[in-house]
């Protein structure tokens, strides 16, 4: 079985550099990447499609030709709480104390009114653990932090968190064989 993960297409928030809201939509400048993603997905026999609750992941699924999907909040993006809808640079300038604390407590520190990275790792791990027992090839259209967190479901290695980056529209594939979890590809465009 395979778990195939796609980061949603380029969104308005990605371009404008603000913390996304739930209803942030895709930007047309990223559609060509999604066309390539669609072609790359043709080689996989997909049994089920899961998307997050957020509009940009659902739009990505539809852009990729999947209209019959299951919404699961466990693959949502990290909840940035009070930072949602605000520009990165403005928050970095006004919330200096938060970002100083984050340097020393990257995984446990919760965003004000939101989640911590550990929270995302926990919920995505629960999702992948459950789905890995189903013996189906699944496609999950999700978000950068959620997909990055899934890598730690396999690797159990938080020390290399900063070394992973996932492009919009990229594909990451895990193969599950009996009790073995294998990373087949990461950030494929």
Protein backbone atom coordinates (compact mmCIF):
# COMPACT_ATOMS: atom_id res chain seq x y z
CA UNK A 1 0.00 0.00 0.00
CA UNK A 2 1.01 3.60 -0.49
CA UNK A 3 0.23 6.86 1.23
CA UNK A 4 0.59 9.61 -1.35
CA UNK A 5 0.67 13.16 -0.03
CA UNK A 6 0.26 16.31 -2.08
CA UNK A 7 0.79 19.79 -0.69
CA UNK A 8 -2.01 22.05 -1.85
CA UNK A 9 -1.39 24.31 -4.83
CA UNK A 10 0.03 27.81 -4.56
CA UNK A 11 -2.42 29.92 -2.57
CA UNK A 12 -3.10 33.62 -2.25
CA UNK A 13 -1.55 33.47 1.23
CA UNK A 14 1.64 31.88 -0.14
CA UNK A 15 2.03 34.72 -2.62
CA UNK A 16 1.04 37.53 -0.24
CA UNK A 17 3.04 36.00 2.65
CA UNK A 18 0.38 35.87 5.31
CA UNK A 19 -0.78 33.16 7.69
CA UNK A 20 -3.62 31.47 5.82
CA UNK A 21 -7.24 31.54 6.84
CA UNK A 22 -9.51 28.51 6.42
CA UNK A 23 -11.05 29.99 3.26
CA UNK A 24 -7.79 31.02 1.55
CA UNK A 25 -8.04 30.01 -2.11
CA UNK A 26 -5.60 28.88 -4.76
CA UNK A 27 -3.85 31.36 -6.99
CA UNK A 28 -3.96 30.73 -10.73
CA UNK A 29 -0.19 31.22 -11.08
CA UNK A 30 0.25 27.78 -9.48
CA UNK A 31 -2.08 25.89 -11.82
CA UNK A 32 0.72 24.80 -14.17
CA UNK A 33 2.46 23.02 -11.27
CA UNK A 34 -0.80 21.25 -10.42
CA UNK A 35 -1.14 20.15 -14.06
CA UNK A 36 2.25 18.47 -13.70
CA UNK A 37 1.23 16.99 -10.33
CA UNK A 38 -1.87 15.54 -11.97
CA UNK A 39 0.27 13.81 -14.63
CA UNK A 40 2.64 12.45 -11.95
CA UNK A 41 -0.28 11.01 -9.98
CA UNK A 42 -1.49 8.98 -12.99
CA UNK A 43 1.06 6.23 -12.24
CA UNK A 44 -0.58 5.47 -8.88
CA UNK A 45 -3.66 3.33 -8.38
CA UNK A 46 -5.52 5.41 -5.79
CA UNK A 47 -8.32 3.81 -3.76
CA UNK A 48 -9.36 6.77 -1.58
CA UNK A 49 -8.73 10.51 -1.48
CA UNK A 50 -8.55 12.51 1.75
CA UNK A 51 -8.42 16.29 2.03
CA UNK A 52 -8.18 18.69 4.92
CA UNK A 53 -11.07 20.90 5.98
CA UNK A 54 -9.38 23.91 4.39
CA UNK A 55 -10.62 25.29 1.09
CA UNK A 56 -7.25 25.29 -0.69
CA UNK A 57 -6.79 21.55 -0.24
CA UNK A 58 -10.29 20.85 -1.56
CA UNK A 59 -9.70 23.14 -4.55
CA UNK A 60 -6.43 21.30 -5.20
CA UNK A 61 -8.23 17.93 -5.18
CA UNK A 62 -10.75 19.20 -7.71
CA UNK A 63 -8.01 20.76 -9.85
CA UNK A 64 -6.28 17.35 -9.85
CA UNK A 65 -9.51 15.69 -11.01
CA UNK A 66 -10.69 14.23 -7.67
CA UNK A 67 -14.22 15.26 -6.74
CA UNK A 68 -15.07 12.26 -4.59
CA UNK A 69 -13.00 12.86 -1.48
CA UNK A 70 -13.22 12.46 2.28
CA UNK A 71 -12.59 15.46 4.53
CA UNK A 72 -10.47 14.72 7.61
CA UNK A 73 -9.41 17.46 10.03
CA UNK A 74 -6.40 15.42 11.19
CA UNK A 75 -4.54 16.45 8.02
CA UNK A 76 -5.29 20.17 8.46
CA UNK A 77 -2.50 22.72 8.51
CA UNK A 78 -1.04 23.75 11.85
CA UNK A 79 -3.53 26.12 13.50
CA UNK A 80 -1.68 29.44 13.76
CA UNK A 81 -4.40 30.82 16.04
CA UNK A 82 -4.33 34.58 16.44
CA UNK A 83 -1.74 34.92 13.68
CA UNK A 84 -4.15 33.74 10.95
CA UNK A 85 -4.84 36.37 8.31
CA UNK A 86 -1.86 38.50 9.37
CA UNK A 87 1.28 39.17 7.36
CA UNK A 88 4.44 37.26 8.31
CA UNK A 89 6.61 40.37 8.57
CA UNK A 90 4.08 42.22 10.73
CA UNK A 91 3.81 39.30 13.16
CA UNK A 92 7.59 38.81 13.29
CA UNK A 93 7.95 42.51 14.20
CA UNK A 94 5.15 42.62 16.78
CA UNK A 95 5.54 39.19 18.41
CA UNK A 96 9.27 39.20 19.09
CA UNK A 97 8.90 37.51 22.48
CA UNK A 98 6.93 34.60 20.97
CA UNK A 99 9.55 33.93 18.30
CA UNK A 100 12.37 34.15 20.84
CA UNK A 101 10.60 31.50 22.96
CA UNK A 102 10.05 29.39 19.84
CA UNK A 103 13.80 29.20 19.21
CA UNK A 104 14.15 27.25 22.47
CA UNK A 105 10.85 25.35 22.36
CA UNK A 106 10.04 24.80 18.68
CA UNK A 107 7.86 21.72 19.13
CA UNK A 108 5.91 22.38 22.32
CA UNK A 109 5.20 26.12 22.12
CA UNK A 110 1.63 26.73 20.97
CA UNK A 111 0.76 29.64 18.72
CA UNK A 112 -1.51 32.01 20.68
CA UNK A 113 -5.01 30.50 20.42
CA UNK A 114 -3.64 27.73 18.16
CA UNK A 115 -1.51 24.61 18.10
CA UNK A 116 2.07 23.52 18.59
CA UNK A 117 4.08 21.44 16.13
CA UNK A 118 3.78 18.53 18.58
CA UNK A 119 -0.02 18.84 18.30
CA UNK A 120 0.21 18.49 14.51
CA UNK A 121 2.64 15.59 14.72
CA UNK A 122 0.28 13.80 17.14
CA UNK A 123 -2.89 14.21 15.05
CA UNK A 124 -1.25 13.43 11.71
CA UNK A 125 0.46 10.38 13.25
CA UNK A 126 -2.90 9.12 14.49
CA UNK A 127 -4.33 9.53 10.99
CA UNK A 128 -1.43 7.76 9.25
CA UNK A 129 -1.30 4.98 11.83
CA UNK A 130 -5.00 4.29 11.26
CA UNK A 131 -4.78 4.46 7.46
CA UNK A 132 -1.66 2.29 7.30
CA UNK A 133 -3.76 -0.64 8.58
CA UNK A 134 -6.37 -0.33 5.80
CA UNK A 135 -4.19 -1.77 3.02
CA UNK A 136 -5.43 0.82 0.51
CA UNK A 137 -3.53 3.28 -1.62
CA UNK A 138 -4.61 6.67 -0.37
CA UNK A 139 -4.04 10.18 -1.65
CA UNK A 140 -3.97 12.93 0.97
CA UNK A 141 -4.12 16.55 -0.14
CA UNK A 142 -2.83 18.52 2.77
CA UNK A 143 -0.45 21.27 3.89
CA UNK A 144 3.24 21.91 4.42
CA UNK A 145 3.34 21.49 8.20
CA UNK A 146 1.02 18.47 8.18
CA UNK A 147 3.04 16.67 5.50
CA UNK A 148 6.31 17.61 7.19
CA UNK A 149 4.85 16.16 10.40
CA UNK A 150 4.04 12.92 8.60
CA UNK A 151 7.73 12.44 7.87
CA UNK A 152 8.24 12.21 11.62
CA UNK A 153 5.61 9.51 11.88
CA UNK A 154 8.13 7.46 9.89
CA UNK A 155 11.47 8.81 11.04
CA UNK A 156 10.81 9.74 14.68
CA UNK A 157 13.53 12.36 14.19
CA UNK A 158 12.71 15.92 15.23
CA UNK A 159 16.33 17.03 15.07
CA UNK A 160 16.12 17.36 11.29
CA UNK A 161 12.83 19.28 11.22
CA UNK A 162 14.40 22.37 9.66
CA UNK A 163 15.94 20.36 6.81
CA UNK A 164 12.64 19.55 5.10
CA UNK A 165 10.78 21.89 2.79
CA UNK A 166 7.77 20.95 0.69
CA UNK A 167 6.85 22.91 -2.41
CA UNK A 168 3.26 23.71 -3.31
CA UNK A 169 1.88 20.92 -5.49
CA UNK A 170 4.70 18.52 -4.57
CA UNK A 171 4.20 14.80 -4.03
CA UNK A 172 5.57 12.78 -1.11
CA UNK A 173 5.07 8.99 -1.14
CA UNK A 174 5.33 6.40 1.64
CA UNK A 175 5.16 2.69 0.92
CA UNK A 176 3.92 0.39 3.67
CA UNK A 177 5.02 -3.25 3.43
CA UNK A 178 3.99 -5.44 6.34
CA UNK A 179 5.61 -3.66 9.31
CA UNK A 180 8.02 -1.59 7.22
CA UNK A 181 7.45 2.06 6.38
CA UNK A 182 9.51 3.27 3.45
CA UNK A 183 9.92 6.80 2.13
CA UNK A 184 9.64 6.41 -1.61
CA UNK A 185 9.87 10.10 -2.57
CA UNK A 186 9.75 13.55 -0.99
CA UNK A 187 8.89 16.85 -2.64
CA UNK A 188 8.49 15.40 -6.15
CA UNK A 189 7.39 17.99 -8.72
